[in-house]
Amino acid sequence: MSTYMANPQTVTRDWYVLDAAGKTLGKVAVEAAVLLRGKHKVTYTPHVDCGDHVIVINASKVVLTGKKLENKMYYHHTGYIGHMKKVKYGNLLKNKPVFVIKKAVKGMLPANTLGRAAFNRLHVYAGEEHLHAAQKPVAREF
């Protein structure tokens, strides 16, 4: 019996919708990363991009546990000397909820061409409406 190895010609991509309302940020990001990589499929092959498209809705209603809204910080550097910027996750979640989800998912994907290709299939929306109804996405519970 031989081992099955998927190739790009045999990969079928489905569309899934994840509702982030009332869910913790980490749980939403983990489920999205698993679907984007294709690890939920029986035909998963590590060196082939066999993941699916993921739509995350209600990003503004995601929850952070504990005191992370006040204590957790997002740091970035502008490129100028001494210009390290920091923003509390509470403010970031209020102003840019899509960025918060994308940053969490991107950190769970591999830092190579497979991870970049998978990240391009992630679609995040702050509200309930999304633009991908024509693809007939399936709601995924987690």
Protein backbone atom coordinates (compact mmCIF):
# COMPACT_ATOMS: atom_id res chain seq x y z
CA MET A 1 0.00 0.00 0.00
CA SER A 2 1.43 3.37 -0.99
CA THR A 3 1.13 6.69 0.80
CA TYR A 4 -1.18 9.24 -0.83
CA MET A 5 0.50 12.52 -1.75
CA ALA A 6 -1.67 15.39 -2.91
CA ASN A 7 -0.54 17.66 -5.73
CA PRO A 8 -1.82 21.10 -6.76
CA GLN A 9 -3.95 19.66 -9.57
CA THR A 10 -5.97 17.42 -7.24
CA VAL A 11 -6.67 19.99 -4.51
CA THR A 12 -10.29 21.11 -4.12
CA ARG A 13 -10.91 24.31 -2.20
CA ASP A 14 -14.06 24.86 -0.17
CA TRP A 15 -15.34 28.06 1.45
CA TYR A 16 -16.08 28.27 5.18
CA VAL A 17 -17.60 31.00 7.34
CA LEU A 18 -16.48 31.40 10.96
CA ASP A 19 -18.58 33.56 13.28
CA ALA A 20 -16.28 35.20 15.84
CA ALA A 21 -19.06 36.72 17.96
CA GLY A 22 -18.49 35.81 21.61
CA LYS A 23 -15.51 33.54 20.84
CA THR A 24 -11.99 34.10 22.14
CA LEU A 25 -9.41 35.48 19.73
CA GLY A 26 -7.14 32.45 19.99
CA LYS A 27 -9.86 29.91 19.28
CA VAL A 28 -10.99 31.80 16.18
CA ALA A 29 -7.40 32.14 14.94
CA VAL A 30 -6.62 28.44 15.51
CA GLU A 31 -9.70 27.28 13.62
CA ALA A 32 -8.98 29.67 10.75
CA ALA A 33 -5.32 28.59 10.55
CA VAL A 34 -6.26 24.89 10.49
CA LEU A 35 -8.75 25.46 7.67
CA LEU A 36 -6.31 27.63 5.71
CA ARG A 37 -3.55 25.01 5.92
CA GLY A 38 -5.89 22.12 5.08
CA LYS A 39 -5.04 20.10 8.18
CA HIS A 40 -8.70 19.13 8.62
CA LYS A 41 -8.63 17.14 5.38
CA VAL A 42 -7.76 13.48 5.03
CA THR A 43 -5.66 14.34 1.98
CA TYR A 44 -3.43 16.82 3.87
CA THR A 45 0.12 16.89 2.54
CA PRO A 46 2.62 19.16 4.34
CA HIS A 47 4.49 20.36 1.23
CA VAL A 48 1.35 21.12 -0.84
CA ASP A 49 -1.00 24.06 -0.39
CA CYS A 50 -4.26 22.15 0.11
CA GLY A 51 -6.17 24.57 2.35
CA ASP A 52 -9.55 26.19 1.95
CA HIS A 53 -10.90 29.75 1.86
CA VAL A 54 -12.00 31.15 5.24
CA ILE A 55 -14.37 34.06 5.88
CA VAL A 56 -14.41 35.43 9.43
CA ILE A 57 -17.40 37.60 10.30
CA ASN A 58 -18.17 39.65 13.44
CA ALA A 59 -14.49 40.38 14.06
CA SER A 60 -15.46 43.36 16.21
CA LYS A 61 -17.26 41.04 18.66
CA VAL A 62 -14.28 38.81 19.42
CA VAL A 63 -13.39 38.39 23.11
CA LEU A 64 -10.08 38.60 24.95
CA THR A 65 -9.94 36.86 28.33
CA GLY A 66 -8.50 38.20 31.55
CA LYS A 67 -6.98 41.68 31.57
CA LYS A 68 -5.61 41.46 28.04
CA LEU A 69 -7.70 44.42 26.86
CA GLU A 70 -5.73 46.69 29.22
CA ASN A 71 -2.38 44.89 29.57
CA LYS A 72 -1.65 43.28 26.18
CA MET A 73 0.16 45.63 23.79
CA TYR A 74 0.80 45.66 20.05
CA TYR A 75 4.25 47.01 19.19
CA HIS A 76 5.50 48.20 15.83
CA HIS A 77 8.44 50.27 14.66
CA THR A 78 8.10 53.04 12.09
CA GLY A 79 11.67 52.69 10.83
CA TYR A 80 12.86 55.96 12.35
CA ILE A 81 15.21 56.04 15.33
CA GLY A 82 13.26 55.98 18.58
CA HIS A 83 9.89 55.55 16.93
CA MET A 84 8.67 52.38 18.61
CA LYS A 85 4.89 52.63 18.80
CA LYS A 86 2.65 50.67 21.15
CA VAL A 87 -1.12 50.34 21.24
CA LYS A 88 -3.30 48.58 23.79
CA TYR A 89 -5.27 45.67 22.39
CA GLY A 90 -8.48 47.21 23.72
CA ASN A 91 -7.98 50.27 21.50
CA LEU A 92 -6.78 48.13 18.61
CA LEU A 93 -9.83 45.87 18.84
CA LYS A 94 -12.11 48.91 18.91
CA ASN A 95 -10.45 50.71 15.98
CA LYS A 96 -9.11 47.88 13.77
CA PRO A 97 -10.85 44.58 14.59
CA VAL A 98 -9.95 43.09 11.19
CA PHE A 99 -6.24 43.69 11.83
CA VAL A 100 -6.39 41.90 15.20
CA ILE A 101 -7.81 38.71 13.65
CA LYS A 102 -5.41 38.82 10.68
CA LYS A 103 -2.39 39.29 12.94
CA ALA A 104 -3.38 36.36 15.15
CA VAL A 105 -3.95 34.04 12.18
CA LYS A 106 -0.76 35.12 10.39
CA GLY A 107 1.26 34.25 13.49
CA MET A 108 -0.11 30.68 13.35
CA LEU A 109 0.78 30.09 9.70
CA PRO A 110 4.25 29.05 8.52
CA ALA A 111 6.64 31.80 7.45
CA ASN A 112 7.18 30.53 3.90
CA THR A 113 5.43 30.53 0.51
CA LEU A 114 2.77 28.09 1.73
CA GLY A 115 1.88 30.36 4.64
CA ARG A 116 1.71 33.44 2.44
CA ALA A 117 -0.54 31.67 -0.07
CA ALA A 118 -2.80 30.46 2.74
CA PHE A 119 -3.00 33.95 4.26
CA ASN A 120 -4.27 35.33 0.94
CA ARG A 121 -7.32 33.07 1.26
CA LEU A 122 -8.36 34.66 4.58
CA HIS A 123 -11.22 37.20 4.39
CA VAL A 124 -12.12 39.06 7.60
CA TYR A 125 -15.10 41.37 8.12
CA ALA A 126 -15.95 43.46 11.19
CA GLY A 127 -19.71 43.00 10.76
CA GLU A 128 -22.08 40.23 9.75
CA GLU A 129 -22.12 40.98 6.02
CA HIS A 130 -19.52 39.56 3.63
CA LEU A 131 -19.03 39.77 -0.12
CA HIS A 132 -18.66 36.06 -0.86
CA ALA A 133 -22.25 34.80 -1.00
CA ALA A 134 -21.74 33.67 -4.61
CA GLN A 135 -19.17 31.08 -3.45
CA LYS A 136 -21.81 29.43 -1.22
CA PRO A 137 -19.69 29.24 1.94
CA VAL A 138 -20.53 26.67 4.61
CA ALA A 139 -20.92 27.84 8.22
CA ARG A 140 -18.41 26.05 10.43
CA GLU A 141 -19.06 25.58 14.17
CA PHE A 142 -16.15 25.31 16.58
